[in-house]
């Protein structure tokens, strides 16, 4: 199934998506905004095993949609994950482009939760950032607390899948050996528009990951080209840190658009889209953040 987190009259809620129709799950279940069981985002839904069974197993009637998808103000599927973990250099095509050897271990970094952004929301480019690069990716949303699991067990930890754009400021990222400075800018991690349960896709067969700039495809890859598959990533990460419900894992991008000739750097007004097979198309517009403040180095 497809789920969205959205805002209505100042309150976030969770909806199940049927084509262009959305059924509000809080309304369907008769829950109150002041109740402890209110679903604020998809993470709350994934954590509610009874509700997930009622929706995905028993079946949700689609005869009484709450709203039309086009009329909703979407939020990121998860709003307050304890972790947003990025994996770098995870595509063979990326490594070949840069002439890098095959990795023996994961290259991981953090995006902050405050970097999360939503479908059709603006990506803010601070004026001191000159080299803002898009990175289309498959995102995994963790569905249960996960600690030290095998790759075979890791599949059960995938709560949902989504499109992501790991927007990176290359001029900040490579000032030191640590990448995080270029990865943590506010609004630099668009996620969505949907959170899709893993039974809807065939990860073994692979998913196409494509990025578009102003309507023109600039990046394409397939998840079967990843060095570490989704379940291998989760397993490896689970030995580094406990993964919590709603945590986000960014699985890597197929190429380094900042290393192209000429490099792809996002400017004011640029429209960036990320599409992953069966997961929808995530769209954002870049806006220069007007400020006279001078950053500290």
Protein backbone atom coordinates (compact mmCIF):
# COMPACT_ATOMS: atom_id res chain seq x y z
CA UNK A 1 0.00 0.00 0.00
CA UNK A 2 0.90 3.64 -0.39
CA UNK A 3 0.76 6.01 2.54
CA UNK A 4 1.25 9.75 2.91
CA UNK A 5 1.80 12.08 5.81
CA UNK A 6 0.02 15.36 5.27
CA UNK A 7 -1.08 18.52 6.99
CA UNK A 8 -4.69 19.55 7.43
CA UNK A 9 -5.82 22.56 9.46
CA UNK A 10 -2.53 22.72 11.32
CA UNK A 11 -2.45 19.02 12.26
CA UNK A 12 -0.51 16.23 10.61
CA UNK A 13 -2.24 12.98 9.77
CA UNK A 14 -1.66 9.78 7.79
CA UNK A 15 -3.59 8.69 4.73
CA UNK A 16 -3.80 5.56 2.61
CA UNK A 17 -3.60 6.35 -1.10
CA UNK A 18 -5.81 4.71 -3.73
CA UNK A 19 -4.99 6.20 -7.13
CA UNK A 20 -5.98 9.85 -6.62
CA UNK A 21 -8.06 9.21 -3.47
CA UNK A 22 -6.82 9.40 0.10
CA UNK A 23 -8.45 7.82 3.15
CA UNK A 24 -7.47 9.50 6.43
CA UNK A 25 -6.57 6.64 8.77
CA UNK A 26 -7.22 8.61 11.94
CA UNK A 27 -10.70 9.48 10.76
CA UNK A 28 -11.31 5.93 9.54
CA UNK A 29 -10.32 4.53 12.95
CA UNK A 30 -12.26 7.17 14.89
CA UNK A 31 -9.20 8.57 16.63
CA UNK A 32 -9.06 12.00 18.26
CA UNK A 33 -6.36 14.61 17.76
CA UNK A 34 -5.87 14.82 21.52
CA UNK A 35 -5.61 11.05 21.91
CA UNK A 36 -2.38 9.17 22.61
CA UNK A 37 -3.05 6.90 19.64
CA UNK A 38 -3.24 9.68 17.03
CA UNK A 39 -1.11 8.94 13.97
CA UNK A 40 1.08 11.96 13.25
CA UNK A 41 3.17 10.35 10.53
CA UNK A 42 3.93 7.06 8.81
CA UNK A 43 6.36 6.14 11.59
CA UNK A 44 3.46 6.16 14.05
CA UNK A 45 1.53 3.88 11.70
CA UNK A 46 4.44 1.45 11.35
CA UNK A 47 4.81 1.35 15.13
CA UNK A 48 1.10 0.51 15.55
CA UNK A 49 1.04 -3.21 14.67
CA UNK A 50 -2.71 -3.51 15.24
CA UNK A 51 -3.49 -0.63 12.89
CA UNK A 52 -1.07 -1.92 10.25
CA UNK A 53 -2.76 -5.32 10.33
CA UNK A 54 -6.19 -3.73 10.09
CA UNK A 55 -5.18 -1.65 7.10
CA UNK A 56 -2.94 -4.03 5.15
CA UNK A 57 -4.30 -7.48 6.07
CA UNK A 58 -7.99 -6.98 6.82
CA UNK A 59 -8.22 -4.44 4.04
CA UNK A 60 -9.18 -0.80 4.00
CA UNK A 61 -12.42 0.16 2.23
CA UNK A 62 -11.82 2.75 -0.48
CA UNK A 63 -15.45 3.71 -0.92
CA UNK A 64 -15.28 6.82 1.26
CA UNK A 65 -12.13 8.79 0.47
CA UNK A 66 -11.39 11.68 2.80
CA UNK A 67 -9.72 13.86 0.17
CA UNK A 68 -8.14 14.04 -3.23
CA UNK A 69 -4.36 13.66 -3.24
CA UNK A 70 -3.91 16.79 -5.34
CA UNK A 71 -5.62 18.88 -2.66
CA UNK A 72 -3.35 17.81 0.20
CA UNK A 73 -0.25 19.55 1.53
CA UNK A 74 2.15 16.64 1.84
CA UNK A 75 4.82 16.37 4.51
CA UNK A 76 7.81 14.06 4.62
CA UNK A 77 6.48 10.53 5.31
CA UNK A 78 8.32 10.50 8.65
CA UNK A 79 8.70 13.70 10.64
CA UNK A 80 11.02 13.00 13.57
CA UNK A 81 13.25 9.99 12.87
CA UNK A 82 15.98 9.37 15.40
CA UNK A 83 18.42 8.87 12.52
CA UNK A 84 18.79 9.63 8.83
CA UNK A 85 21.71 7.53 7.67
CA UNK A 86 23.28 7.97 4.25
CA UNK A 87 25.38 5.39 2.44
CA UNK A 88 27.98 6.69 0.01
CA UNK A 89 29.69 5.04 -2.95
CA UNK A 90 27.18 2.18 -3.10
CA UNK A 91 26.71 1.91 -6.87
CA UNK A 92 29.16 0.23 -9.21
CA UNK A 93 28.41 2.93 -11.78
CA UNK A 94 29.42 5.61 -9.24
CA UNK A 95 32.68 3.86 -8.39
CA UNK A 96 33.53 3.30 -12.07
CA UNK A 97 32.84 6.96 -12.87
CA UNK A 98 35.36 8.09 -10.25
CA UNK A 99 37.83 5.26 -10.77
CA UNK A 100 37.37 4.02 -7.21
CA UNK A 101 37.92 0.41 -6.08
CA UNK A 102 35.04 -1.76 -4.92
CA UNK A 103 34.32 -0.97 -1.26
CA UNK A 104 34.84 -3.60 1.40
CA UNK A 105 32.81 -1.73 4.02
CA UNK A 106 29.96 0.76 4.11
CA UNK A 107 30.75 4.45 3.81
CA UNK A 108 28.14 6.02 6.07
CA UNK A 109 27.25 9.57 7.04
CA UNK A 110 24.43 11.41 8.78
CA UNK A 111 21.77 13.66 7.38
CA UNK A 112 19.99 15.43 10.22
CA UNK A 113 16.26 15.09 10.82
CA UNK A 114 16.02 18.86 10.31
CA UNK A 115 17.26 18.32 6.76
CA UNK A 116 14.09 16.39 5.88
CA UNK A 117 11.88 18.03 3.30
CA UNK A 118 8.68 17.10 1.51
CA UNK A 119 7.30 16.71 -1.99
CA UNK A 120 6.71 20.06 -3.74
CA UNK A 121 8.40 22.01 -0.95
CA UNK A 122 11.26 24.40 -1.72
CA UNK A 123 14.88 23.39 -1.30
CA UNK A 124 16.72 26.38 0.14
CA UNK A 125 20.17 27.21 -1.22
CA UNK A 126 22.15 29.49 1.13
CA UNK A 127 23.99 32.10 -0.89
CA UNK A 128 27.38 30.98 0.44
CA UNK A 129 26.77 27.52 -1.10
CA UNK A 130 27.84 27.42 -4.75
CA UNK A 131 27.99 23.69 -5.48
CA UNK A 132 24.61 22.20 -4.59
CA UNK A 133 24.29 18.77 -6.21
CA UNK A 134 21.20 16.51 -6.48
CA UNK A 135 21.46 12.81 -5.68
CA UNK A 136 18.46 10.65 -6.51
CA UNK A 137 18.12 7.63 -4.23
CA UNK A 138 15.97 4.83 -2.91
CA UNK A 139 15.13 5.40 0.76
CA UNK A 140 14.29 2.71 3.29
CA UNK A 141 12.05 3.54 6.25
CA UNK A 142 12.66 1.18 9.16
CA UNK A 143 9.53 -0.59 10.39
CA UNK A 144 10.70 -2.19 13.62
CA UNK A 145 13.50 -1.82 16.16
CA UNK A 146 16.48 -3.60 14.67
CA UNK A 147 19.67 -4.68 16.36
CA UNK A 148 22.33 -7.07 15.05
CA UNK A 149 20.32 -8.94 12.45
CA UNK A 150 21.43 -11.04 9.52
CA UNK A 151 20.69 -10.09 5.91
CA UNK A 152 18.03 -12.81 5.88
CA UNK A 153 16.32 -11.26 8.90
CA UNK A 154 16.71 -7.68 7.67
CA UNK A 155 13.83 -7.85 5.18
CA UNK A 156 11.37 -7.84 8.09
CA UNK A 157 12.84 -4.50 9.22
CA UNK A 158 11.79 -2.69 6.05
CA UNK A 159 8.61 -0.83 6.92
CA UNK A 160 8.33 1.20 3.74
CA UNK A 161 10.25 2.51 0.75
CA UNK A 162 10.34 6.01 -0.68
CA UNK A 163 12.08 8.33 -3.12
CA UNK A 164 14.79 10.58 -1.69
CA UNK A 165 17.10 13.33 -2.86
CA UNK A 166 20.34 13.48 -0.89
CA UNK A 167 21.11 17.06 -1.90
CA UNK A 168 24.74 17.79 -1.09
CA UNK A 169 26.82 20.96 -0.92
CA UNK A 170 30.06 19.78 -2.48
CA UNK A 171 31.95 22.95 -1.56
CA UNK A 172 31.18 22.27 2.11
CA UNK A 173 31.37 18.49 1.90
CA UNK A 174 34.98 18.22 0.81
CA UNK A 175 36.56 20.96 2.90
CA UNK A 176 37.56 18.19 5.32
CA UNK A 177 37.65 14.39 5.26
CA UNK A 178 34.22 14.32 6.93
CA UNK A 179 31.23 14.74 4.58
CA UNK A 180 28.57 15.81 7.07
CA UNK A 181 28.97 19.58 6.66
CA UNK A 182 27.75 19.27 3.09
CA UNK A 183 24.93 16.88 3.95
CA UNK A 184 23.07 18.53 6.82
CA UNK A 185 21.68 21.78 5.43
CA UNK A 186 18.01 22.43 6.25
CA UNK A 187 15.62 21.24 3.49
CA UNK A 188 18.43 19.23 1.83
CA UNK A 189 16.77 15.82 2.16
CA UNK A 190 13.47 15.73 0.27
CA UNK A 191 11.60 12.48 0.96
CA UNK A 192 8.37 11.17 -0.55
CA UNK A 193 5.85 11.70 -1.89
CA UNK A 194 4.77 8.25 -0.70
CA UNK A 195 5.83 5.59 1.78
CA UNK A 196 5.21 2.30 -0.03
CA UNK A 197 5.10 -1.07 1.71
CA UNK A 198 7.79 -3.46 0.40
CA UNK A 199 5.27 -6.03 -0.84
CA UNK A 200 4.43 -3.59 -3.64
CA UNK A 201 7.88 -3.87 -5.28
CA UNK A 202 10.41 -6.52 -6.25
CA UNK A 203 13.72 -5.44 -4.77
CA UNK A 204 15.44 -8.60 -6.00
CA UNK A 205 14.56 -7.75 -9.61
CA UNK A 206 15.65 -4.16 -9.00
CA UNK A 207 14.14 -0.69 -9.19
CA UNK A 208 15.10 2.08 -11.59
CA UNK A 209 16.28 5.30 -9.93
CA UNK A 210 16.12 8.40 -12.13
CA UNK A 211 16.80 12.09 -11.53
CA UNK A 212 15.51 14.93 -13.70
CA UNK A 213 16.54 18.57 -13.85
CA UNK A 214 14.02 20.94 -15.42
CA UNK A 215 12.36 17.97 -17.12
CA UNK A 216 15.55 16.47 -18.56
CA UNK A 217 16.89 13.16 -17.25
CA UNK A 218 20.37 13.67 -15.81
CA UNK A 219 20.85 10.45 -13.85
CA UNK A 220 19.67 6.86 -14.08
CA UNK A 221 20.63 3.68 -12.28
CA UNK A 222 19.16 0.43 -11.06
CA UNK A 223 19.27 -0.87 -7.52
CA UNK A 224 20.68 -4.21 -8.68
CA UNK A 225 23.88 -2.22 -9.36
CA UNK A 226 24.36 -1.53 -5.66
CA UNK A 227 27.36 -3.10 -3.95
CA UNK A 228 25.29 -3.62 -0.81
CA UNK A 229 21.62 -4.54 -1.28
CA UNK A 230 18.84 -3.17 0.91
CA UNK A 231 18.87 -6.12 3.29
CA UNK A 232 22.68 -6.15 3.43
CA UNK A 233 22.69 -2.45 4.26
CA UNK A 234 20.23 -2.89 7.10
CA UNK A 235 22.12 -5.87 8.47
CA UNK A 236 25.45 -4.06 8.39
CA UNK A 237 24.03 -0.88 9.94
CA UNK A 238 22.31 -2.89 12.68
CA UNK A 239 25.75 -3.90 13.95
CA UNK A 240 26.79 -0.23 14.12
CA UNK A 241 23.69 1.30 15.70
CA UNK A 242 20.22 0.32 16.84
CA UNK A 243 17.72 1.20 14.11
CA UNK A 244 14.41 2.54 15.38
CA UNK A 245 10.97 2.64 13.79
CA UNK A 246 10.85 5.55 11.35
CA UNK A 247 14.60 5.83 10.86
CA UNK A 248 15.59 6.54 7.26
CA UNK A 249 18.39 4.84 5.33
CA UNK A 250 19.50 6.46 2.07
CA UNK A 251 20.90 3.68 -0.09
CA UNK A 252 23.23 5.65 -2.37
CA UNK A 253 23.10 7.40 -5.73
CA UNK A 254 24.02 5.95 -9.15
CA UNK A 255 26.48 8.69 -10.20
CA UNK A 256 28.30 11.79 -8.99
CA UNK A 257 26.59 14.64 -10.81
CA UNK A 258 29.07 17.05 -9.28
CA UNK A 259 31.89 15.23 -11.09
CA UNK A 260 30.29 15.46 -14.53
CA UNK A 261 31.69 17.70 -17.27
CA UNK A 262 30.27 20.23 -16.77
CA UNK A 263 29.18 19.55 -13.18
CA UNK A 264 25.50 19.76 -12.26
CA UNK A 265 25.05 22.50 -9.66
CA UNK A 266 21.54 23.58 -8.67
CA UNK A 267 20.57 27.21 -9.13
CA UNK A 268 17.59 29.31 -8.07
CA UNK A 269 14.43 28.12 -9.81
CA UNK A 270 15.74 24.67 -10.75
CA UNK A 271 13.12 21.92 -10.62
CA UNK A 272 14.54 18.60 -9.47
CA UNK A 273 12.63 15.33 -9.65
CA UNK A 274 13.53 11.86 -8.38
CA UNK A 275 11.59 8.85 -9.62
CA UNK A 276 11.90 5.29 -8.39
CA UNK A 277 9.97 2.40 -9.97
CA UNK A 278 6.51 2.03 -8.32
CA UNK A 279 7.36 4.63 -5.65
CA UNK A 280 6.27 7.81 -7.41
CA UNK A 281 8.09 10.98 -8.42
CA UNK A 282 9.46 13.41 -5.83
CA UNK A 283 9.50 17.03 -7.03
CA UNK A 284 11.20 20.07 -5.50
CA UNK A 285 12.15 23.56 -6.64
CA UNK A 286 15.37 25.26 -5.54
CA UNK A 287 15.09 28.73 -4.04
CA UNK A 288 17.97 30.99 -3.04
CA UNK A 289 17.84 31.77 0.66
CA UNK A 290 18.28 35.52 0.84
CA UNK A 291 20.43 36.45 3.82
CA UNK A 292 23.19 38.91 4.54
CA UNK A 293 24.65 36.75 7.30
CA UNK A 294 28.24 35.64 6.82
CA UNK A 295 28.85 32.01 7.78
CA UNK A 296 31.60 31.00 10.17
CA UNK A 297 34.25 28.74 8.67
